[in-house]
Amino acid sequence: MSESAAPKSGNLPITLATWMFILFDRGHMPADGDLAGAMRTIAEGAKAEDADMESLGRGLVELVEQKLGADSTFAHVRRYLTEQYGDEAIATSLGKTRDERARGARRYQFSHNLPWIAQIIDRFPNGQVGPHWVMIEQVTDTVTCMDPYPWDDLDEEYQMPVNDFMVKWELAGTHSVRFS
């Protein structure tokens, strides 16, 4: 399977790189100058007809992966993001109960119009079950998980019933990160 056809859903560095680029595109710069530079390069490449967007995106993902390191725990991810955007800019709780979390997610979506990241427990294509990082675009009666890597030709956006998402999210500890 070629790199451009390889699924990227659930991959933390890919999901973070895309989410951070969306923040960059909305005017929220990471503290790390190398990351900001890679994001500027992608933004400039998007204006050029002959730019290899997949290669530019892969460069950003590799940089995020290098800077993030191998630790994919929620505490480490939160610490990494607060280093990039400040403690006040990174929020992690959407409520204590399932209803509060659903309302909080919808409120965030309405007020910020930005995706947020959640860790869920899911089954991978190889049959294993484990933590899986997703970018949440919308929460209604279904949850829309964004394509984590928009720079290739593989569309990985998908939806699941909100109750299924809530169970998977709760199994992972209701870990989430959003820009506040």
Protein backbone atom coordinates (compact mmCIF):
# COMPACT_ATOMS: atom_id res chain seq x y z
CA MET A 1 0.00 0.00 0.00
CA SER A 2 1.45 3.37 -0.95
CA GLU A 3 1.99 6.06 1.67
CA SER A 4 -0.84 8.13 0.19
CA ALA A 5 -3.27 5.20 0.40
CA ALA A 6 -2.28 4.08 3.90
CA PRO A 7 -4.97 4.78 6.52
CA LYS A 8 -3.98 7.49 8.97
CA SER A 9 -6.96 7.46 11.30
CA GLY A 10 -5.99 7.04 14.94
CA ASN A 11 -2.37 8.09 14.49
CA LEU A 12 -1.58 10.67 17.17
CA PRO A 13 1.17 12.66 15.36
CA ILE A 14 -0.97 12.85 12.22
CA THR A 15 -4.07 13.92 14.15
CA LEU A 16 -2.13 16.51 16.17
CA ALA A 17 -0.34 17.91 13.11
CA THR A 18 -3.62 18.41 11.29
CA TRP A 19 -5.35 19.91 14.34
CA MET A 20 -2.40 22.26 14.96
CA PHE A 21 -2.44 23.31 11.30
CA ILE A 22 -6.15 24.12 11.56
CA LEU A 23 -5.34 26.28 14.60
CA PHE A 24 -2.50 27.93 12.65
CA ASP A 25 -4.86 28.60 9.75
CA ARG A 26 -7.20 30.37 12.21
CA GLY A 27 -4.37 32.55 13.52
CA HIS A 28 -3.23 30.54 16.56
CA MET A 29 0.54 30.06 16.31
CA PRO A 30 2.45 27.34 18.15
CA ALA A 31 5.34 28.53 20.33
CA ASP A 32 7.79 26.29 18.46
CA GLY A 33 9.26 28.22 15.52
CA ASP A 34 10.04 25.04 13.55
CA LEU A 35 6.40 23.96 13.71
CA ALA A 36 5.17 27.43 12.73
CA GLY A 37 7.62 27.43 9.81
CA ALA A 38 6.41 24.05 8.56
CA MET A 39 2.83 25.28 8.79
CA ARG A 40 3.68 28.45 6.84
CA THR A 41 5.26 26.26 4.16
CA ILE A 42 2.06 24.22 3.86
CA ALA A 43 -0.07 27.38 3.69
CA GLU A 44 2.17 28.78 0.94
CA GLY A 45 2.16 25.44 -0.87
CA ALA A 46 -1.64 25.39 -0.90
CA LYS A 47 -1.52 28.51 -3.07
CA ALA A 48 0.80 26.91 -5.65
CA GLU A 49 -0.63 24.59 -8.28
CA ASP A 50 2.41 22.33 -8.41
CA ALA A 51 3.04 21.92 -4.67
CA ASP A 52 3.36 18.39 -3.34
CA MET A 53 0.92 18.83 -0.48
CA GLU A 54 1.29 15.26 0.72
CA SER A 55 5.04 15.72 1.08
CA LEU A 56 4.57 19.04 2.90
CA GLY A 57 2.00 17.46 5.21
CA ARG A 58 4.29 14.50 5.86
CA GLY A 59 7.06 16.94 6.81
CA LEU A 60 4.82 18.56 9.42
CA VAL A 61 3.75 15.17 10.78
CA GLU A 62 7.37 14.04 11.09
CA LEU A 63 8.24 17.25 12.93
CA VAL A 64 5.32 16.83 15.35
CA GLU A 65 6.28 13.19 15.88
CA GLN A 66 9.90 14.16 16.61
CA LYS A 67 8.94 16.92 19.03
CA LEU A 68 6.16 14.94 20.74
CA GLY A 69 8.29 11.86 21.28
CA ALA A 70 7.03 8.33 21.83
CA ASP A 71 4.87 9.08 24.87
CA SER A 72 1.23 9.10 23.74
CA THR A 73 -0.35 9.34 27.18
CA PHE A 74 -3.00 11.98 27.63
CA ALA A 75 -0.93 13.79 30.28
CA HIS A 76 2.03 14.06 27.90
CA VAL A 77 -0.13 15.22 24.98
CA ARG A 78 -1.76 17.88 27.16
CA ARG A 79 1.63 19.05 28.44
CA TYR A 80 2.98 19.22 24.87
CA LEU A 81 0.01 21.29 23.69
CA THR A 82 0.14 23.68 26.66
CA GLU A 83 3.83 24.24 25.85
CA GLN A 84 2.77 25.23 22.33
CA TYR A 85 -0.31 27.33 23.08
CA GLY A 86 -0.29 28.15 26.80
CA ASP A 87 -2.23 26.63 29.66
CA GLU A 88 -5.20 28.99 29.25
CA ALA A 89 -5.63 28.02 25.59
CA ILE A 90 -5.92 24.26 26.11
CA ALA A 91 -9.07 22.91 27.75
CA THR A 92 -9.65 19.27 28.57
CA SER A 93 -12.99 18.80 30.34
CA LEU A 94 -16.40 18.89 28.72
CA GLY A 95 -18.37 17.80 31.79
CA LYS A 96 -18.75 15.07 34.39
CA THR A 97 -21.77 13.21 33.02
CA ARG A 98 -22.52 11.91 29.54
CA ASP A 99 -25.24 14.54 29.05
CA GLU A 100 -22.93 17.35 30.23
CA ARG A 101 -20.18 16.16 27.87
CA ALA A 102 -22.56 16.01 24.90
CA ARG A 103 -23.90 19.50 25.69
CA GLY A 104 -20.37 20.81 26.24
CA ALA A 105 -19.20 19.40 22.90
CA ARG A 106 -22.14 20.97 21.07
CA ARG A 107 -21.64 24.29 22.86
CA TYR A 108 -17.94 24.28 21.95
CA GLN A 109 -18.71 23.45 18.34
CA PHE A 110 -21.21 26.32 18.13
CA SER A 111 -19.05 28.90 19.90
CA HIS A 112 -15.62 28.07 18.44
CA ASN A 113 -16.26 26.36 15.10
CA LEU A 114 -13.07 24.34 15.62
CA PRO A 115 -12.55 20.60 15.84
CA TRP A 116 -11.37 19.03 19.08
CA ILE A 117 -9.39 15.88 19.78
CA ALA A 118 -10.59 12.89 21.78
CA GLN A 119 -9.04 9.59 22.69
CA ILE A 120 -11.39 6.65 22.22
CA ILE A 121 -11.03 2.90 22.47
CA ASP A 122 -11.58 1.31 19.10
CA ARG A 123 -10.84 -1.78 17.06
CA PHE A 124 -8.06 -1.40 14.51
CA PRO A 125 -8.10 -3.02 11.04
CA ASN A 126 -5.73 -5.73 12.32
CA GLY A 127 -8.30 -6.73 14.98
CA GLN A 128 -6.51 -5.25 17.98
CA VAL A 129 -8.41 -3.04 20.40
CA GLY A 130 -6.75 0.02 21.88
CA PRO A 131 -6.62 3.80 22.21
CA HIS A 132 -7.34 5.71 19.05
CA TRP A 133 -7.05 9.52 18.63
CA VAL A 134 -9.76 11.25 16.60
CA MET A 135 -10.57 14.81 15.62
CA ILE A 136 -14.20 15.64 16.29
CA GLU A 137 -15.83 17.99 13.82
CA GLN A 138 -19.46 17.80 14.86
CA VAL A 139 -21.66 16.30 17.58
CA THR A 140 -25.38 15.96 16.90
CA ASP A 141 -27.20 12.62 17.02
CA THR A 142 -24.03 11.36 15.35
CA VAL A 143 -20.39 12.26 15.90
CA THR A 144 -18.41 13.24 12.82
CA CYS A 145 -14.73 12.35 13.02
CA MET A 146 -12.66 14.43 10.61
CA ASP A 147 -10.20 13.08 8.11
CA PRO A 148 -6.98 13.27 10.15
CA TYR A 149 -4.78 13.92 7.11
CA PRO A 150 -6.27 16.19 4.43
CA TRP A 151 -3.10 16.25 2.32
CA ASP A 152 -3.57 12.85 0.70
CA ASP A 153 -6.27 11.38 -1.54
CA LEU A 154 -7.73 9.07 1.10
CA ASP A 155 -10.95 10.39 2.68
CA GLU A 156 -11.14 9.04 6.22
CA GLU A 157 -14.00 11.14 7.58
CA TYR A 158 -16.63 8.98 9.22
CA GLN A 159 -19.62 9.18 11.53
CA MET A 160 -20.84 7.07 14.42
CA PRO A 161 -23.91 7.28 16.64
CA VAL A 162 -23.34 9.64 19.56
CA ASN A 163 -24.00 6.87 22.10
CA ASP A 164 -21.36 4.62 20.49
CA PHE A 165 -18.88 7.47 20.57
CA MET A 166 -19.65 8.23 24.21
CA VAL A 167 -19.04 4.61 25.24
CA LYS A 168 -15.73 4.46 23.33
CA TRP A 169 -14.69 7.82 24.79
CA GLU A 170 -15.62 6.78 28.33
CA LEU A 171 -13.65 3.53 27.95
CA ALA A 172 -10.59 5.66 27.15
CA GLY A 173 -11.16 7.91 30.17
CA THR A 174 -13.00 10.80 28.42
CA HIS A 175 -9.67 12.36 27.49
CA SER A 176 -10.08 15.32 25.16
CA VAL A 177 -8.26 18.45 24.12
CA ARG A 178 -9.77 21.59 22.66
CA PHE A 179 -8.61 25.12 21.98
CA SER A 180 -10.40 27.56 24.26
